[in-house]
N, C-alpha and C. Protein backbone atom coordinates (compact mmCIF):
# COMPACT_ATOMS: atom_id res chain seq x y z
N MET A 1 0.50 -1.29 -0.05
CA MET A 1 0.01 0.24 -0.04
C MET A 1 1.02 0.82 -0.12
N ASN A 2 1.90 1.14 0.73
CA ASN A 2 2.87 2.70 0.62
C ASN A 2 3.30 2.72 -0.65
N ASP A 3 3.60 1.69 -1.49
CA ASP A 3 3.97 2.13 -3.17
C ASP A 3 2.78 3.07 -3.87
N LEU A 4 1.59 2.25 -3.69
CA LEU A 4 0.23 3.21 -4.05
C LEU A 4 0.24 4.55 -3.63
N ILE A 5 -0.03 4.63 -1.87
CA ILE A 5 0.13 5.70 -1.29
C ILE A 5 1.68 7.34 -2.21
N GLY A 6 2.96 6.40 -2.53
CA GLY A 6 3.49 6.89 -2.79
C GLY A 6 3.32 7.38 -3.97
N PHE A 7 3.07 6.51 -4.78
CA PHE A 7 2.70 6.98 -6.09
C PHE A 7 1.76 7.89 -6.66
N LEU A 8 0.25 7.92 -5.85
CA LEU A 8 -0.47 8.83 -5.90
C LEU A 8 0.15 10.27 -5.28
N SER A 9 1.17 10.61 -4.45
CA SER A 9 1.66 11.46 -3.55
C SER A 9 2.32 12.33 -4.95
N ALA A 10 3.26 12.01 -6.12
CA ALA A 10 3.94 11.87 -6.95
C ALA A 10 2.94 12.46 -8.04
N ARG A 11 2.05 12.17 -8.08
CA ARG A 11 0.85 12.36 -9.32
C ARG A 11 0.51 13.88 -8.81
N TYR A 12 0.14 13.64 -7.62
CA TYR A 12 -0.57 15.19 -6.97
C TYR A 12 0.40 16.39 -6.75
N ASP A 13 1.89 15.64 -6.66
CA ASP A 13 2.79 17.03 -6.93
C ASP A 13 2.33 17.55 -8.14
N GLU A 14 2.72 16.45 -9.40
CA GLU A 14 3.17 16.69 -10.45
C GLU A 14 1.57 17.44 -11.30
N GLU A 15 0.29 17.71 -10.40
CA GLU A 15 -0.98 18.20 -10.77
C GLU A 15 -0.45 19.50 -10.02
N GLU A 16 -0.28 19.47 -8.79
CA GLU A 16 0.33 20.98 -8.36
C GLU A 16 0.92 21.59 -9.16
N CYS A 17 1.72 21.35 -9.49
CA CYS A 17 3.00 21.96 -10.18
C CYS A 17 2.30 22.59 -11.66
N GLU A 18 1.23 22.05 -12.47
CA GLU A 18 0.48 21.75 -13.30
C GLU A 18 -0.48 23.10 -13.05
N ALA A 19 -1.00 22.98 -11.86
CA ALA A 19 -1.96 23.97 -11.13
C ALA A 19 -1.25 25.47 -11.55
N ARG A 20 -0.66 25.68 -10.63
CA ARG A 20 -0.02 26.77 -10.16
C ARG A 20 0.23 27.27 -11.55
N ASP A 21 1.18 26.56 -12.88
CA ASP A 21 1.31 27.30 -14.00
C ASP A 21 0.12 27.82 -14.59
N ALA A 22 -1.36 26.96 -14.42
CA ALA A 22 -2.14 27.14 -14.96
C ALA A 22 -2.72 28.67 -14.41
N ILE A 23 -2.43 29.11 -13.14
CA ILE A 23 -2.94 29.80 -12.61
C ILE A 23 -2.64 31.51 -13.66
N MET A 24 -2.02 31.33 -13.91
CA MET A 24 -1.39 32.00 -14.67
C MET A 24 -2.13 32.42 -15.90
N VAL A 25 -2.44 31.39 -16.61
CA VAL A 25 -3.64 31.30 -17.70
C VAL A 25 -5.06 31.20 -17.69
N HIS A 26 -5.44 30.46 -16.45
CA HIS A 26 -6.92 30.63 -16.34
C HIS A 26 -7.01 30.31 -14.86
N ASP A 27 -8.64 30.38 -14.77
CA ASP A 27 -8.84 30.49 -13.42
C ASP A 27 -9.50 28.90 -13.06
N ARG A 28 -9.40 28.15 -13.57
CA ARG A 28 -9.10 26.77 -13.89
C ARG A 28 -8.21 26.25 -12.58
N GLY A 29 -6.95 26.90 -13.07
CA GLY A 29 -5.76 26.46 -11.79
C GLY A 29 -6.13 26.68 -10.71
N LEU A 30 -7.10 27.55 -10.31
CA LEU A 30 -7.53 27.20 -8.90
C LEU A 30 -8.41 26.49 -8.43
N PHE A 31 -9.26 26.03 -8.92
CA PHE A 31 -10.15 24.60 -8.91
C PHE A 31 -9.07 23.15 -8.89
N ALA A 32 -7.95 23.47 -9.89
CA ALA A 32 -7.01 22.44 -9.78
C ALA A 32 -6.34 21.86 -8.42
N LEU A 33 -5.93 23.23 -7.66
CA LEU A 33 -5.15 23.32 -6.63
C LEU A 33 -5.86 22.87 -5.57
N HIS A 34 -7.06 23.32 -5.78
CA HIS A 34 -8.06 23.10 -4.75
C HIS A 34 -8.25 21.39 -4.38
N ASP A 35 -8.65 21.02 -5.58
CA ASP A 35 -8.42 19.23 -6.19
C ASP A 35 -7.63 18.43 -5.72
N VAL A 36 -6.00 19.06 -5.56
CA VAL A 36 -4.93 18.63 -5.06
C VAL A 36 -4.95 18.48 -3.67
N GLU A 37 -5.10 19.55 -3.20
CA GLU A 37 -5.40 19.89 -1.87
C GLU A 37 -6.38 18.95 -1.20
N ALA A 38 -7.48 18.26 -1.75
CA ALA A 38 -8.62 17.92 -1.11
C ALA A 38 -8.24 16.26 -1.29
N LYS A 39 -7.41 15.81 -2.73
CA LYS A 39 -6.80 14.72 -2.54
C LYS A 39 -5.98 14.41 -1.57
N ARG A 40 -4.89 14.86 -1.31
CA ARG A 40 -3.78 15.10 -0.42
C ARG A 40 -4.39 14.87 1.11
N ALA A 41 -5.32 15.37 1.47
CA ALA A 41 -6.26 15.36 2.56
C ALA A 41 -6.78 14.02 2.99
N VAL A 42 -7.31 13.27 1.82
CA VAL A 42 -7.82 12.53 1.79
C VAL A 42 -6.49 10.89 1.97
N LEU A 43 -5.15 11.30 1.33
CA LEU A 43 -4.23 10.65 1.51
C LEU A 43 -4.05 10.46 3.00
N ALA A 44 -3.66 11.57 3.82
CA ALA A 44 -3.47 11.64 4.59
C ALA A 44 -4.29 11.47 5.94
N LEU A 45 -5.25 10.66 5.20
CA LEU A 45 -6.25 9.54 6.60
C LEU A 45 -5.20 7.82 6.68
N TRP A 46 -4.46 8.14 5.49
CA TRP A 46 -3.45 6.85 6.02
C TRP A 46 -2.52 7.10 6.33
N THR A 47 -1.59 8.19 6.33
CA THR A 47 -0.15 8.52 6.54
C THR A 47 -0.29 9.34 8.01
N ASP A 48 -1.28 9.70 8.61
CA ASP A 48 -0.56 10.85 9.53
C ASP A 48 -2.03 10.16 10.61
N SER A 49 -0.81 10.12 11.73
CA SER A 49 -1.56 8.91 12.85
C SER A 49 -2.58 9.78 13.64
N ASP A 50 -2.61 11.40 13.31
CA ASP A 50 -3.89 12.07 14.23
C ASP A 50 -4.89 11.78 13.18
N ALA A 51 -4.74 12.06 12.12
CA ALA A 51 -6.19 11.54 11.12
C ALA A 51 -6.96 10.35 11.28
N ARG A 52 -5.95 9.20 11.73
CA ARG A 52 -6.07 8.02 12.03
C ARG A 52 -6.84 7.92 13.22
N ALA A 53 -6.72 8.65 14.35
CA ALA A 53 -7.08 8.30 15.53
C ALA A 53 -8.42 8.78 15.40
N LYS A 54 -9.22 9.23 14.65
CA LYS A 54 -10.35 9.85 14.03
C LYS A 54 -11.26 8.71 14.31
N PHE A 55 -10.59 7.76 13.83
CA PHE A 55 -11.69 6.59 13.52
C PHE A 55 -11.50 5.34 14.57
N PRO A 56 -11.91 5.48 15.62
CA PRO A 56 -12.00 4.53 16.39
C PRO A 56 -12.24 2.94 16.01
N ASN A 57 -12.22 2.94 14.97
CA ASN A 57 -12.48 1.36 14.40
C ASN A 57 -11.86 1.39 13.04
N TYR A 58 -10.75 2.05 13.04
CA TYR A 58 -9.80 2.60 11.87
C TYR A 58 -9.43 0.75 10.98
N ASP A 59 -8.43 -0.14 12.01
CA ASP A 59 -8.16 -1.04 11.74
C ASP A 59 -9.36 -2.42 11.42
N GLY A 60 -10.52 -2.12 12.05
CA GLY A 60 -11.41 -2.95 11.95
C GLY A 60 -12.57 -2.69 10.55
N GLY A 61 -11.95 -1.52 9.45
CA GLY A 61 -12.64 -1.44 8.38
C GLY A 61 -12.46 -0.60 7.58
N HIS A 62 -11.89 0.95 8.29
CA HIS A 62 -11.90 1.82 7.70
C HIS A 62 -10.60 1.72 6.89
N ALA A 63 -9.61 0.96 6.98
CA ALA A 63 -8.40 0.92 6.66
C ALA A 63 -8.65 0.44 5.27
N SER A 64 -9.51 -0.51 5.01
CA SER A 64 -9.92 -2.08 3.73
C SER A 64 -10.90 -0.74 3.05
N ALA A 65 -11.73 0.61 3.42
CA ALA A 65 -11.93 0.94 2.92
C ALA A 65 -11.39 2.05 2.02
N LEU A 66 -10.31 2.59 2.56
CA LEU A 66 -9.42 3.78 2.58
C LEU A 66 -8.47 2.81 0.89
N GLU A 67 -8.32 1.71 1.46
CA GLU A 67 -7.69 1.19 0.27
C GLU A 67 -8.22 1.12 -0.72
N GLU A 68 -9.48 0.73 -0.99
CA GLU A 68 -10.32 1.06 -2.32
C GLU A 68 -10.05 2.02 -2.88
N VAL A 69 -10.54 3.31 -1.78
CA VAL A 69 -10.66 4.58 -2.53
C VAL A 69 -9.56 5.30 -3.07
N PHE A 70 -7.91 4.80 -2.57
CA PHE A 70 -6.69 4.87 -2.96
C PHE A 70 -6.75 4.34 -4.18
N ARG A 71 -7.45 2.96 -4.73
CA ARG A 71 -7.07 2.48 -5.91
C ARG A 71 -8.48 2.66 -6.84
N ALA A 72 -8.93 3.42 -6.64
CA ALA A 72 -10.06 4.19 -7.46
C ALA A 72 -9.27 5.42 -7.77
N LEU A 73 -8.83 6.08 -7.06
CA LEU A 73 -8.17 7.60 -7.20
C LEU A 73 -6.99 7.45 -8.53
N ALA A 74 -6.04 6.19 -8.19
CA ALA A 74 -5.31 5.70 -9.19
C ALA A 74 -5.57 5.80 -10.38
N THR A 75 -6.54 5.28 -10.65
CA THR A 75 -7.30 4.73 -12.07
C THR A 75 -7.03 6.08 -12.56
N ALA A 76 -7.05 6.84 -12.41
CA ALA A 76 -7.06 8.24 -12.96
C ALA A 76 -5.84 8.66 -13.80
N HIS A 77 -4.78 7.75 -13.20
CA HIS A 77 -3.58 7.72 -13.40
C HIS A 77 -2.61 6.52 -14.37
N ALA A 78 -3.91 5.83 -14.81
CA ALA A 78 -3.23 4.52 -15.04
C ALA A 78 -2.47 4.45 -16.36
N SER A 79 -2.14 5.39 -17.35
CA SER A 79 -1.92 5.83 -18.21
C SER A 79 0.09 6.03 -18.17
N HIS A 80 -0.17 6.34 -16.77
CA HIS A 80 1.41 7.14 -16.25
C HIS A 80 2.17 5.30 -15.97
N PRO A 81 3.38 5.44 -16.74
CA PRO A 81 4.39 4.22 -16.54
C PRO A 81 4.46 4.07 -15.32
N GLY A 82 4.06 4.63 -14.08
CA GLY A 82 4.33 3.51 -12.30
C GLY A 82 3.00 3.32 -12.27
N TYR A 83 2.09 3.45 -13.02
CA TYR A 83 1.18 2.70 -12.30
C TYR A 83 0.98 1.09 -12.50
N ARG A 84 0.89 0.66 -11.60
CA ARG A 84 0.78 -0.86 -11.46
C ARG A 84 -0.91 -1.66 -11.67
N GLU A 85 -1.44 -2.51 -12.37
CA GLU A 85 -2.25 -3.21 -12.65
C GLU A 85 -2.80 -3.53 -11.47
N GLU A 86 -2.03 -3.92 -10.16
CA GLU A 86 -2.40 -5.00 -9.29
C GLU A 86 -2.70 -4.01 -8.13
N TRP A 87 -3.05 -2.72 -8.59
CA TRP A 87 -3.59 -1.57 -8.16
C TRP A 87 -5.07 -1.43 -8.63
N ARG A 88 -5.39 -1.66 -9.53
CA ARG A 88 -7.04 -1.55 -10.26
C ARG A 88 -7.70 -1.97 -9.13
N PRO A 89 -8.55 -1.25 -9.05
CA PRO A 89 -10.17 -1.70 -8.20
C PRO A 89 -10.82 -3.17 -9.10
């Protein structure tokens, strides 16, 4: 799962760079920046122990649900050479 989280994090870094460039050209860049911020907040539910503490039953089901969310999010980058078919939901 750490490989998938790292993959998504790297894609969001790329999206953020593209969005910052787009701000100069179009207001759509602001949406893209907020979109990346929201996706990173979802990733933090896996990596941030404070975020994990918000869910008392984290290991009893929330973690599995998050894994499926991450797999679904990763499909947006399925054409990237670093994407692995084993991540497909």
